[in-house]
C-alpha atoms as a PDB file:
ATOM      1  CA  MET A   1     117.621  60.460 162.255  1.00  0.00           C
ATOM      2  CA  ARG A   2     116.632  59.738 165.824  1.00  0.00           C
ATOM      3  CA  ALA A   3     119.193  58.705 168.419  1.00  0.00           C
ATOM      4  CA  SER A   4     117.452  55.355 168.950  1.00  0.00           C
ATOM      5  CA  SER A   5     117.671  54.614 165.206  1.00  0.00           C
ATOM      6  CA  LYS A   6     121.382  55.445 165.170  1.00  0.00           C
ATOM      7  CA  MET A   7     121.939  53.228 168.185  1.00  0.00           C
ATOM      8  CA  GLY A   8     120.072  50.374 166.475  1.00  0.00           C
ATOM      9  CA  ILE A   9     122.256  50.659 163.384  1.00  0.00           C
ATOM     10  CA  ILE A  10     125.453  50.743 165.466  1.00  0.00           C
ATOM     11  CA  MET A  11     124.371  47.686 167.492  1.00  0.00           C
ATOM     12  CA  GLY A  12     123.443  45.853 164.289  1.00  0.00           C
ATOM     13  CA  LEU A  13     126.890  46.518 162.833  1.00  0.00           C
ATOM     14  CA  CYS A  14     128.561  45.335 166.026  1.00  0.00           C
ATOM     15  CA  LEU A  15     126.527  42.125 166.126  1.00  0.00           C
ATOM     16  CA  THR A  16     127.327  41.439 162.468  1.00  0.00           C
ATOM     17  CA  ALA A  17     131.051  41.874 163.149  1.00  0.00           C
ATOM     18  CA  THR A  18     131.087  39.765 166.326  1.00  0.00           C
ATOM     19  CA  PRO A  19     132.158  36.428 164.712  1.00  0.00           C
ATOM     20  CA  VAL A  20     135.190  38.088 163.141  1.00  0.00           C
ATOM     21  CA  LEU A  21     136.136  39.811 166.379  1.00  0.00           C
ATOM     22  CA  ALA A  22     135.565  36.635 168.410  1.00  0.00           C
ATOM     23  CA  GLU A  23     138.294  34.762 166.553  1.00  0.00           C
ATOM     24  CA  GLU A  24     141.049  34.009 169.033  1.00  0.00           C
ATOM     25  CA  VAL A  25     144.778  33.988 168.274  1.00  0.00           C
ATOM     26  CA  LEU A  26     147.281  32.579 170.736  1.00  0.00           C
ATOM     27  CA  TYR A  27     151.014  33.189 170.905  1.00  0.00           C
ATOM     28  CA  CYS A  28     152.785  30.032 172.069  1.00  0.00           C
ATOM     29  CA  ALA A  29     156.434  29.475 172.939  1.00  0.00           C
ATOM     30  CA  ASP A  30     158.262  26.270 173.786  1.00  0.00           C
ATOM     31  CA  THR A  31     159.916  26.315 177.200  1.00  0.00           C
ATOM     32  CA  GLY A  32     161.625  22.959 176.745  1.00  0.00           C
ATOM     33  CA  ALA A  33     162.312  20.497 173.959  1.00  0.00           C
ATOM     34  CA  THR A  34     164.278  17.341 173.368  1.00  0.00           C
ATOM     35  CA  CYS A  35     165.030  15.259 170.321  1.00  0.00           C
ATOM     36  CA  PHE A  36     166.152  11.768 169.463  1.00  0.00           C
ATOM     37  CA  SER A  37     168.079  11.263 166.258  1.00  0.00           C
ATOM     38  CA  TRP A  38     169.569   8.213 164.656  1.00  0.00           C
ATOM     39  CA  ASN A  39     173.005   7.834 163.129  1.00  0.00           C
ATOM     40  CA  SER A  40     173.748   5.890 159.944  1.00  0.00           C
ATOM     41  CA  LYS A  41     173.844   2.632 161.948  1.00  0.00           C
ATOM     42  CA  SER A  42     170.312   3.249 163.320  1.00  0.00           C
ATOM     43  CA  VAL A  43     171.591   3.968 166.823  1.00  0.00           C
ATOM     44  CA  ALA A  44     169.523   6.602 168.616  1.00  0.00           C
ATOM     45  CA  SER A  45     170.944   9.362 170.749  1.00  0.00           C
ATOM     46  CA  ARG A  46     169.337  12.201 172.664  1.00  0.00           C
ATOM     47  CA  THR A  47     170.138  15.677 171.440  1.00  0.00           C
ATOM     48  CA  THR A  48     168.987  19.219 172.100  1.00  0.00           C
ATOM     49  CA  PHE A  49     166.375  20.887 169.981  1.00  0.00           C
ATOM     50  CA  ASP A  50     165.776  24.604 169.568  1.00  0.00           C
ATOM     51  CA  ASN A  51     162.687  25.974 171.255  1.00  0.00           C
ATOM     52  CA  GLN A  52     160.131  27.215 168.754  1.00  0.00           C
ATOM     53  CA  ARG A  53     157.384  29.842 168.687  1.00  0.00           C
ATOM     54  CA  PHE A  54     153.916  29.499 167.157  1.00  0.00           C
ATOM     55  CA  THR A  55     150.726  31.385 166.564  1.00  0.00           C
ATOM     56  CA  ILE A  56     147.568  29.365 166.940  1.00  0.00           C
ATOM     57  CA  LYS A  57     144.394  30.615 165.313  1.00  0.00           C
ATOM     58  CA  VAL A  58     141.269  29.181 166.964  1.00  0.00           C
ATOM     59  CA  VAL A  59     138.938  28.664 164.005  1.00  0.00           C
ATOM     60  CA  SER A  60     136.373  26.680 166.014  1.00  0.00           C
ATOM     61  CA  ASP A  61     136.267  24.303 168.961  1.00  0.00           C
ATOM     62  CA  ALA A  62     137.252  21.519 166.552  1.00  0.00           C
ATOM     63  CA  LYS A  63     139.739  23.329 164.300  1.00  0.00           C
ATOM     64  CA  ARG A  64     143.065  25.164 164.802  1.00  0.00           C
ATOM     65  CA  ILE A  65     145.573  26.666 162.379  1.00  0.00           C
ATOM     66  CA  ILE A  66     149.071  26.407 163.831  1.00  0.00           C
ATOM     67  CA  THR A  67     151.856  28.483 162.299  1.00  0.00           C
ATOM     68  CA  LEU A  68     155.543  28.058 163.117  1.00  0.00           C
ATOM     69  CA  MET A  69     157.118  31.491 163.509  1.00  0.00           C
ATOM     70  CA  ALA A  70     160.646  32.725 162.882  1.00  0.00           C
ATOM     71  CA  GLY A  71     161.032  36.389 163.671  1.00  0.00           C
ATOM     72  CA  ALA A  72     158.058  38.124 162.098  1.00  0.00           C
ATOM     73  CA  SER A  73     157.487  35.727 159.192  1.00  0.00           C
ATOM     74  CA  SER A  74     155.680  32.403 159.159  1.00  0.00           C
ATOM     75  CA  LEU A  75     157.595  29.390 157.909  1.00  0.00           C
ATOM     76  CA  ASP A  76     155.128  26.583 158.212  1.00  0.00           C
ATOM     77  CA  GLN A  77     151.381  26.464 158.715  1.00  0.00           C
ATOM     78  CA  GLY A  78     149.035  23.545 159.223  1.00  0.00           C
ATOM     79  CA  GLU A  79     145.374  22.865 159.851  1.00  0.00           C
ATOM     80  CA  TYR A  80     144.593  20.666 162.851  1.00  0.00           C
ATOM     81  CA  ASP A  81     141.433  18.793 163.780  1.00  0.00           C
ATOM     82  CA  CYS A  82     140.767  18.857 167.516  1.00  0.00           C
ATOM     83  CA  ASN A  83     138.617  17.024 170.030  1.00  0.00           C
ATOM     84  CA  ARG A  84     138.173  16.620 173.758  1.00  0.00           C
ATOM     85  CA  PRO A  85     138.716  12.870 174.267  1.00  0.00           C
ATOM     86  CA  ASN A  86     137.675  12.679 177.908  1.00  0.00           C
ATOM     87  CA  LEU A  87     135.162  15.311 178.991  1.00  0.00           C
ATOM     88  CA  ILE A  88     134.633  13.689 182.395  1.00  0.00           C
ATOM     89  CA  VAL A  89     138.232  13.257 183.600  1.00  0.00           C
ATOM     90  CA  ALA A  90     139.901  16.167 181.777  1.00  0.00           C
ATOM     91  CA  PRO A  91     137.342  18.544 180.258  1.00  0.00           C
ATOM     92  CA  GLU A  92     139.975  21.252 179.693  1.00  0.00           C
ATOM     93  CA  ARG A  93     142.259  18.967 177.657  1.00  0.00           C
ATOM     94  CA  LEU A  94     142.147  19.463 173.894  1.00  0.00           C
ATOM     95  CA  VAL A  95     143.934  17.077 171.530  1.00  0.00           C
ATOM     96  CA  CYS A  96     144.738  18.236 167.989  1.00  0.00           C
ATOM     97  CA  ALA A  97     146.328  16.386 165.075  1.00  0.00           C
ATOM     98  CA  ASP A  98     147.355  17.275 161.551  1.00  0.00           C
ATOM     99  CA  ALA A  99     146.263  15.203 158.555  1.00  0.00           C
ATOM    100  CA  SER A 100     149.439  13.088 158.618  1.00  0.00           C
ATOM    101  CA  GLY A 101     149.115  12.268 162.320  1.00  0.00           C
ATOM    102  CA  THR A 102     152.842  12.907 162.836  1.00  0.00           C
ATOM    103  CA  GLN A 103     152.526  16.236 164.689  1.00  0.00           C
ATOM    104  CA  PRO A 104     150.066  15.916 167.599  1.00  0.00           C
ATOM    105  CA  TRP A 105     149.362  18.730 170.066  1.00  0.00           C
ATOM    106  CA  VAL A 106     147.773  18.463 173.515  1.00  0.00           C
ATOM    107  CA  PHE A 107     146.497  21.678 175.111  1.00  0.00           C
ATOM    108  CA  TYR A 108     145.604  22.068 178.780  1.00  0.00           C
ATOM    109  CA  ARG A 109     144.564  25.518 179.967  1.00  0.00           C
ATOM    110  CA  ASN A 110     147.443  27.792 178.866  1.00  0.00           C
ATOM    111  CA  THR A 111     150.011  25.001 178.441  1.00  0.00           C
ATOM    112  CA  TYR A 112     150.697  22.512 175.682  1.00  0.00           C
ATOM    113  CA  THR A 113     152.819  19.597 174.566  1.00  0.00           C
ATOM    114  CA  HIS A 114     153.580  18.953 170.909  1.00  0.00           C
ATOM    115  CA  ALA A 115     155.606  16.351 169.100  1.00  0.00           C
ATOM    116  CA  PHE A 116     157.091  15.479 165.762  1.00  0.00           C
ATOM    117  CA  LEU A 117     156.802  11.712 165.417  1.00  0.00           C
ATOM    118  CA  ALA A 118     158.479  10.570 162.240  1.00  0.00           C
ATOM    119  CA  GLU A 119     158.871   6.937 161.388  1.00  0.00           C
ATOM    120  CA  PRO A 120     161.732   4.884 162.872  1.00  0.00           C
ATOM    121  CA  PRO A 121     164.986   4.767 160.922  1.00  0.00           C
ATOM    122  CA  THR A 122     163.904   2.253 158.300  1.00  0.00           C
ATOM    123  CA  GLY A 123     164.897   2.669 154.684  1.00  0.00           C
ATOM    124  CA  LYS A 124     166.716   5.436 152.877  1.00  0.00           C
ATOM    125  CA  ASN A 125     163.957   8.074 153.024  1.00  0.00           C
ATOM    126  CA  ALA A 126     163.065   7.792 156.715  1.00  0.00           C
ATOM    127  CA  ASP A 127     163.202  10.964 158.778  1.00  0.00           C
ATOM    128  CA  PRO A 128     165.615  10.135 161.606  1.00  0.00           C
ATOM    129  CA  ASN A 129     164.246  12.509 164.220  1.00  0.00           C
ATOM    130  CA  ILE A 130     161.622  12.492 166.954  1.00  0.00           C
ATOM    131  CA  MET A 131     160.994  15.703 168.888  1.00  0.00           C
ATOM    132  CA  VAL A 132     158.875  16.415 171.956  1.00  0.00           C
ATOM    133  CA  ALA A 133     158.365  19.919 173.353  1.00  0.00           C
ATOM    134  CA  TYR A 134     156.194  21.729 175.857  1.00  0.00           C
ATOM    135  CA  GLY A 135     155.372  25.340 176.495  1.00  0.00           C
ATOM    136  CA  THR A 136     152.836  28.031 177.301  1.00  0.00           C
ATOM    137  CA  CYS A 137     150.363  30.129 175.323  1.00  0.00           C
ATOM    138  CA  THR A 138     149.083  33.649 175.833  1.00  0.00           C
ATOM    139  CA  LYS A 139     146.383  35.538 173.976  1.00  0.00           C
ATOM    140  CA  PHE A 140     147.541  38.021 171.365  1.00  0.00           C
END
């Protein structure tokens, strides 16, 4: 087989594999977080919240898979739909939301803000916490 034929086959294999290799994974870590929680009388108080770590798989410009990490194992994973709401003022800002709309993320360059926005303390089954955190991401 000629060298040019071998090179053509190798380049063809590389081009075929490119979409798989192009998939980006980010490692993100909270650098600050705060939480509001309600007591049994529906009185809110500010409390600390543990910083968390995530991996974010960039599926496409409009889709992310965000996985909460604890040590080396994943605890929680969700699919997020993303968009760039204002391409003129902030073209680097990406806003992502899960299907429930209770866990939005806003990415800007290598930083982010994310929140857990449960309902207010109404009824017996209401989640009494609201959390807001921010942090930074690096490529894996």
